Amino acid sequence: MPERFAVYRYPIARADGERELRYTFAPYKGVGYAGSDEPSDAHPMGNEPDEAGQTRPAGHVEAPDGARIVSFEPPILEIPGRGNLALDAVIGATEGEADDLGHLVRWRPRA
């Protein structure tokens, strides 16, 4: 039976009016705001007050037995005996291909 992990998305509203969607395994606001385990009140672009919104369910990912979360944000799984897999490309949050491990997981977006 595969492991299942819920995935959440939340918006980032930038001071310049741009919006961006980010993904996380944690169901609460601003878990690693900048994607590097920084606190939600950290502003990597200086003093510009970018605002992280509330998370919403985005779907879930199915991975091989024994897979585990190694980073909530960005969402990264460890696939036993194979290494780490960043899910951004798998779930379509970034352009490009998932690396060699992408075929081992299945993204199930919320309907």
N, C-alpha and C. Protein backbone atom coordinates (compact mmCIF):
# COMPACT_ATOMS: atom_id res chain seq x y z
N MET A 1 0.85 -1.18 0.00
CA MET A 1 0.00 0.00 0.00
C MET A 1 0.89 1.24 0.00
N PRO A 2 0.64 2.16 -0.89
CA PRO A 2 1.48 3.37 -0.94
C PRO A 2 1.21 4.31 0.23
N GLU A 3 2.21 5.13 0.52
CA GLU A 3 2.06 6.19 1.52
C GLU A 3 1.29 7.33 0.86
N ARG A 4 0.44 8.01 1.64
CA ARG A 4 -0.31 9.17 1.13
C ARG A 4 0.03 10.40 1.97
N PHE A 5 0.31 11.49 1.30
CA PHE A 5 0.63 12.74 1.97
C PHE A 5 -0.24 13.85 1.42
N ALA A 6 -0.95 14.55 2.32
CA ALA A 6 -1.77 15.69 1.91
C ALA A 6 -0.86 16.85 1.52
N VAL A 7 -1.24 17.57 0.48
CA VAL A 7 -0.50 18.74 0.01
C VAL A 7 -1.44 19.94 0.06
N TYR A 8 -0.91 21.07 0.52
CA TYR A 8 -1.69 22.30 0.66
C TYR A 8 -1.03 23.39 -0.17
N ARG A 9 -1.83 24.36 -0.59
CA ARG A 9 -1.29 25.52 -1.30
C ARG A 9 -1.72 26.79 -0.59
N TYR A 10 -0.91 27.83 -0.75
CA TYR A 10 -1.26 29.13 -0.17
C TYR A 10 -0.69 30.23 -1.06
N PRO A 11 -1.36 31.37 -1.07
CA PRO A 11 -0.88 32.48 -1.89
C PRO A 11 0.12 33.36 -1.14
N ILE A 12 1.00 33.96 -1.91
CA ILE A 12 1.90 34.99 -1.41
C ILE A 12 1.50 36.27 -2.16
N ALA A 13 1.13 37.30 -1.43
CA ALA A 13 0.81 38.60 -2.02
C ALA A 13 2.02 39.50 -1.80
N ARG A 14 2.61 39.94 -2.88
CA ARG A 14 3.80 40.78 -2.80
C ARG A 14 3.42 42.26 -2.76
N ALA A 15 4.31 43.06 -2.25
CA ALA A 15 4.08 44.50 -2.14
C ALA A 15 3.83 45.14 -3.51
N ASP A 16 4.40 44.54 -4.58
CA ASP A 16 4.23 45.11 -5.92
C ASP A 16 2.93 44.64 -6.60
N GLY A 17 2.10 43.90 -5.87
CA GLY A 17 0.82 43.45 -6.39
C GLY A 17 0.84 42.07 -7.03
N GLU A 18 2.02 41.52 -7.24
CA GLU A 18 2.13 40.18 -7.82
C GLU A 18 1.68 39.14 -6.81
N ARG A 19 1.09 38.05 -7.33
CA ARG A 19 0.68 36.93 -6.46
C ARG A 19 1.37 35.66 -6.95
N GLU A 20 1.64 34.79 -6.02
CA GLU A 20 2.33 33.54 -6.31
C GLU A 20 1.70 32.45 -5.45
N LEU A 21 1.56 31.24 -5.99
CA LEU A 21 1.09 30.10 -5.18
C LEU A 21 2.29 29.28 -4.77
N ARG A 22 2.30 28.88 -3.51
CA ARG A 22 3.33 27.99 -2.99
C ARG A 22 2.66 26.76 -2.41
N TYR A 23 3.44 25.69 -2.29
CA TYR A 23 2.91 24.41 -1.81
C TYR A 23 3.67 23.96 -0.57
N THR A 24 2.98 23.21 0.28
CA THR A 24 3.54 22.75 1.53
C THR A 24 2.83 21.47 1.97
N PHE A 25 3.47 20.73 2.86
CA PHE A 25 2.80 19.58 3.49
C PHE A 25 2.06 19.98 4.76
N ALA A 26 2.28 21.19 5.26
CA ALA A 26 1.70 21.62 6.53
C ALA A 26 0.39 22.38 6.31
N PRO A 27 -0.64 22.06 7.06
CA PRO A 27 -1.95 22.69 6.85
C PRO A 27 -2.15 24.00 7.60
N TYR A 28 -1.10 24.77 7.80
CA TYR A 28 -1.28 26.05 8.48
C TYR A 28 -0.42 27.12 7.84
N LYS A 29 -0.77 28.35 8.09
CA LYS A 29 -0.19 29.52 7.42
C LYS A 29 1.31 29.67 7.60
N GLY A 30 1.95 29.98 6.49
CA GLY A 30 3.33 30.45 6.49
C GLY A 30 4.37 29.55 7.08
N VAL A 31 4.33 28.28 6.83
CA VAL A 31 5.29 27.36 7.42
C VAL A 31 6.69 27.72 7.05
N GLY A 32 7.27 27.75 6.12
CA GLY A 32 8.64 28.18 5.85
C GLY A 32 8.56 29.21 4.80
N TYR A 33 8.00 30.35 5.10
CA TYR A 33 7.61 31.38 4.15
C TYR A 33 8.49 31.42 2.91
N ALA A 34 9.80 31.49 3.06
CA ALA A 34 10.68 31.63 1.90
C ALA A 34 11.10 30.29 1.33
N GLY A 35 10.60 29.20 1.87
CA GLY A 35 10.95 27.89 1.35
C GLY A 35 12.23 27.34 1.92
N SER A 36 12.78 27.99 2.90
CA SER A 36 14.03 27.52 3.49
C SER A 36 13.92 27.47 5.00
N ASP A 37 12.77 27.06 5.48
CA ASP A 37 12.50 26.95 6.91
C ASP A 37 12.70 28.27 7.64
N GLU A 38 12.44 29.39 6.95
CA GLU A 38 12.48 30.70 7.59
C GLU A 38 11.12 30.95 8.24
N PRO A 39 11.08 31.71 9.30
CA PRO A 39 9.79 32.00 9.94
C PRO A 39 8.89 32.82 9.02
N SER A 40 7.58 32.76 9.25
CA SER A 40 6.63 33.42 8.36
C SER A 40 6.79 34.93 8.34
N ASP A 41 7.41 35.52 9.36
CA ASP A 41 7.58 36.97 9.34
C ASP A 41 8.91 37.41 8.73
N ALA A 42 9.69 36.48 8.19
CA ALA A 42 10.94 36.83 7.54
C ALA A 42 10.64 37.40 6.15
N HIS A 43 11.36 38.43 5.77
CA HIS A 43 11.15 39.06 4.48
C HIS A 43 12.46 39.06 3.71
N PRO A 44 12.69 38.03 2.89
CA PRO A 44 13.97 37.90 2.20
C PRO A 44 14.23 39.02 1.19
N MET A 45 13.21 39.79 0.83
CA MET A 45 13.40 40.86 -0.15
C MET A 45 13.55 42.21 0.55
N GLY A 46 14.12 42.23 1.72
CA GLY A 46 14.30 43.48 2.45
C GLY A 46 13.13 43.76 3.36
N ASN A 47 12.67 44.98 3.38
CA ASN A 47 11.58 45.36 4.27
C ASN A 47 10.22 45.35 3.60
N GLU A 48 10.13 44.76 2.41
CA GLU A 48 8.84 44.71 1.73
C GLU A 48 7.94 43.70 2.43
N PRO A 49 6.75 44.11 2.80
CA PRO A 49 5.86 43.25 3.59
C PRO A 49 5.06 42.25 2.76
N ASP A 50 5.72 41.25 2.18
CA ASP A 50 5.00 40.20 1.48
C ASP A 50 4.13 39.47 2.49
N GLU A 51 2.96 39.07 2.07
CA GLU A 51 2.01 38.46 2.98
C GLU A 51 1.68 37.04 2.55
N ALA A 52 1.87 36.09 3.44
CA ALA A 52 1.49 34.70 3.19
C ALA A 52 0.04 34.50 3.59
N GLY A 53 -0.75 33.92 2.71
CA GLY A 53 -2.15 33.66 3.00
C GLY A 53 -2.36 32.32 3.68
N GLN A 54 -3.60 32.00 3.97
CA GLN A 54 -3.96 30.75 4.63
C GLN A 54 -3.88 29.59 3.64
N THR A 55 -3.48 28.43 4.13
CA THR A 55 -3.39 27.25 3.27
C THR A 55 -4.78 26.70 2.97
N ARG A 56 -4.85 26.04 1.82
CA ARG A 56 -6.06 25.34 1.38
C ARG A 56 -5.64 23.98 0.83
N PRO A 57 -6.45 22.95 1.00
CA PRO A 57 -6.09 21.64 0.44
C PRO A 57 -5.91 21.72 -1.07
N ALA A 58 -4.83 21.13 -1.58
CA ALA A 58 -4.56 21.11 -3.01
C ALA A 58 -4.70 19.72 -3.60
N GLY A 59 -4.58 18.70 -2.76
CA GLY A 59 -4.64 17.32 -3.21
C GLY A 59 -3.75 16.45 -2.33
N HIS A 60 -3.32 15.34 -2.88
CA HIS A 60 -2.39 14.50 -2.13
C HIS A 60 -1.46 13.80 -3.12
N VAL A 61 -0.37 13.32 -2.58
CA VAL A 61 0.60 12.59 -3.38
C VAL A 61 0.72 11.18 -2.80
N GLU A 62 0.83 10.20 -3.68
CA GLU A 62 1.04 8.81 -3.28
C GLU A 62 2.48 8.46 -3.60
N ALA A 63 3.15 7.86 -2.64
CA ALA A 63 4.56 7.53 -2.78
C ALA A 63 4.78 6.09 -2.31
N PRO A 64 5.92 5.49 -2.65
CA PRO A 64 6.20 4.12 -2.22
C PRO A 64 6.19 3.96 -0.70
N ASP A 65 5.92 2.76 -0.24
CA ASP A 65 5.95 2.45 1.19
C ASP A 65 7.25 2.92 1.80
N GLY A 66 7.16 3.49 3.00
CA GLY A 66 8.33 3.94 3.72
C GLY A 66 8.77 5.35 3.38
N ALA A 67 8.14 5.98 2.38
CA ALA A 67 8.50 7.36 2.05
C ALA A 67 8.20 8.24 3.25
N ARG A 68 8.99 9.31 3.40
CA ARG A 68 8.76 10.21 4.53
C ARG A 68 9.07 11.63 4.12
N ILE A 69 8.46 12.57 4.83
CA ILE A 69 8.67 13.99 4.59
C ILE A 69 10.03 14.40 5.17
N VAL A 70 10.85 15.06 4.35
CA VAL A 70 12.11 15.60 4.85
C VAL A 70 12.09 17.12 4.87
N SER A 71 11.16 17.73 4.15
CA SER A 71 10.99 19.19 4.18
C SER A 71 9.51 19.49 3.93
N PHE A 72 8.93 20.30 4.83
CA PHE A 72 7.53 20.68 4.65
C PHE A 72 7.40 21.69 3.52
N GLU A 73 8.37 22.60 3.45
CA GLU A 73 8.34 23.63 2.43
C GLU A 73 9.75 24.05 2.08
N PRO A 74 10.14 23.85 0.83
CA PRO A 74 9.35 23.25 -0.22
C PRO A 74 9.07 21.78 0.09
N PRO A 75 7.99 21.24 -0.46
CA PRO A 75 7.64 19.85 -0.15
C PRO A 75 8.64 18.86 -0.77
N ILE A 76 9.34 18.15 0.10
CA ILE A 76 10.34 17.17 -0.35
C ILE A 76 10.11 15.87 0.39
N LEU A 77 10.08 14.77 -0.36
CA LEU A 77 9.96 13.43 0.22
C LEU A 77 11.27 12.68 0.07
N GLU A 78 11.54 11.79 1.03
CA GLU A 78 12.62 10.84 0.89
C GLU A 78 12.00 9.53 0.44
N ILE A 79 12.47 9.01 -0.68
CA ILE A 79 12.02 7.72 -1.19
C ILE A 79 13.03 6.69 -0.73
N PRO A 80 12.62 5.71 0.08
CA PRO A 80 13.56 4.75 0.65
C PRO A 80 14.48 4.11 -0.40
N GLY A 81 15.77 4.21 -0.13
CA GLY A 81 16.77 3.60 -1.00
C GLY A 81 16.99 4.33 -2.31
N ARG A 82 16.29 5.43 -2.55
CA ARG A 82 16.39 6.14 -3.83
C ARG A 82 16.84 7.58 -3.68
N GLY A 83 16.58 8.22 -2.55
CA GLY A 83 16.97 9.61 -2.36
C GLY A 83 15.78 10.53 -2.16
N ASN A 84 16.03 11.82 -2.26
CA ASN A 84 15.00 12.84 -2.03
C ASN A 84 14.37 13.29 -3.34
N LEU A 85 13.10 13.64 -3.25
CA LEU A 85 12.35 14.11 -4.41
C LEU A 85 11.61 15.38 -4.04
N ALA A 86 11.94 16.50 -4.71
CA ALA A 86 11.21 17.75 -4.55
C ALA A 86 9.94 17.65 -5.38
N LEU A 87 8.80 17.93 -4.78
CA LEU A 87 7.53 17.71 -5.46
C LEU A 87 7.07 18.85 -6.35
N ASP A 88 7.71 20.00 -6.31
CA ASP A 88 7.23 21.14 -7.09
C ASP A 88 6.99 20.81 -8.56
N ALA A 89 7.93 20.14 -9.22
CA ALA A 89 7.73 19.78 -10.63
C ALA A 89 6.67 18.69 -10.79
N VAL A 90 6.59 17.78 -9.86
CA VAL A 90 5.60 16.70 -9.93
C VAL A 90 4.19 17.26 -9.88
N ILE A 91 3.95 18.24 -9.02
CA ILE A 91 2.60 18.79 -8.87
C ILE A 91 2.34 19.97 -9.80
N GLY A 92 3.32 20.35 -10.61
CA GLY A 92 3.13 21.42 -11.57
C GLY A 92 3.32 22.82 -11.04
N ALA A 93 3.97 22.95 -9.89
CA ALA A 93 4.20 24.27 -9.30
C ALA A 93 5.36 24.99 -9.98
N THR A 94 6.23 24.24 -10.63
CA THR A 94 7.35 24.83 -11.36
C THR A 94 7.42 24.20 -12.73
N GLU A 95 8.12 24.86 -13.60
CA GLU A 95 8.33 24.28 -14.92
C GLU A 95 9.43 23.24 -14.83
N GLY A 96 9.52 22.42 -15.85
CA GLY A 96 10.58 21.43 -15.88
C GLY A 96 10.09 20.05 -15.50
N GLU A 97 11.01 19.15 -15.49
CA GLU A 97 10.74 17.75 -15.24
C GLU A 97 11.08 17.39 -13.80
N ALA A 98 10.32 16.45 -13.26
CA ALA A 98 10.71 15.88 -11.98
C ALA A 98 11.93 15.02 -12.28
N ASP A 99 12.87 14.97 -11.37
CA ASP A 99 14.08 14.19 -11.64
C ASP A 99 13.76 12.71 -11.80
N ASP A 100 14.76 11.88 -11.75
CA ASP A 100 14.61 10.45 -11.99
C ASP A 100 13.56 9.77 -11.12
N LEU A 101 13.22 10.37 -9.99
CA LEU A 101 12.31 9.73 -9.05
C LEU A 101 10.84 10.11 -9.28
N GLY A 102 10.58 11.03 -10.17
CA GLY A 102 9.23 11.53 -10.38
C GLY A 102 8.23 10.45 -10.73
N HIS A 103 8.68 9.42 -11.43
CA HIS A 103 7.76 8.34 -11.83
C HIS A 103 7.32 7.47 -10.65
N LEU A 104 7.97 7.62 -9.50
CA LEU A 104 7.64 6.80 -8.33
C LEU A 104 6.49 7.36 -7.50
N VAL A 105 6.08 8.59 -7.78
CA VAL A 105 4.99 9.20 -7.02
C VAL A 105 3.84 9.56 -7.97
N ARG A 106 2.67 9.65 -7.40
CA ARG A 106 1.49 10.02 -8.18
C ARG A 106 0.80 11.20 -7.52
N TRP A 107 0.63 12.28 -8.27
CA TRP A 107 -0.04 13.48 -7.80
C TRP A 107 -1.52 13.34 -8.08
N ARG A 108 -2.33 13.54 -7.03
CA ARG A 108 -3.79 13.49 -7.13
C ARG A 108 -4.34 14.86 -6.72
N PRO A 109 -4.53 15.78 -7.70
CA PRO A 109 -5.05 17.08 -7.34
C PRO A 109 -6.47 16.98 -6.80
N ARG A 110 -6.81 17.91 -5.95
CA ARG A 110 -8.16 17.94 -5.37
C ARG A 110 -9.15 18.29 -6.47
N ALA A 111 -10.22 17.55 -6.52
CA ALA A 111 -11.23 17.77 -7.57
C ALA A 111 -12.10 18.96 -7.28
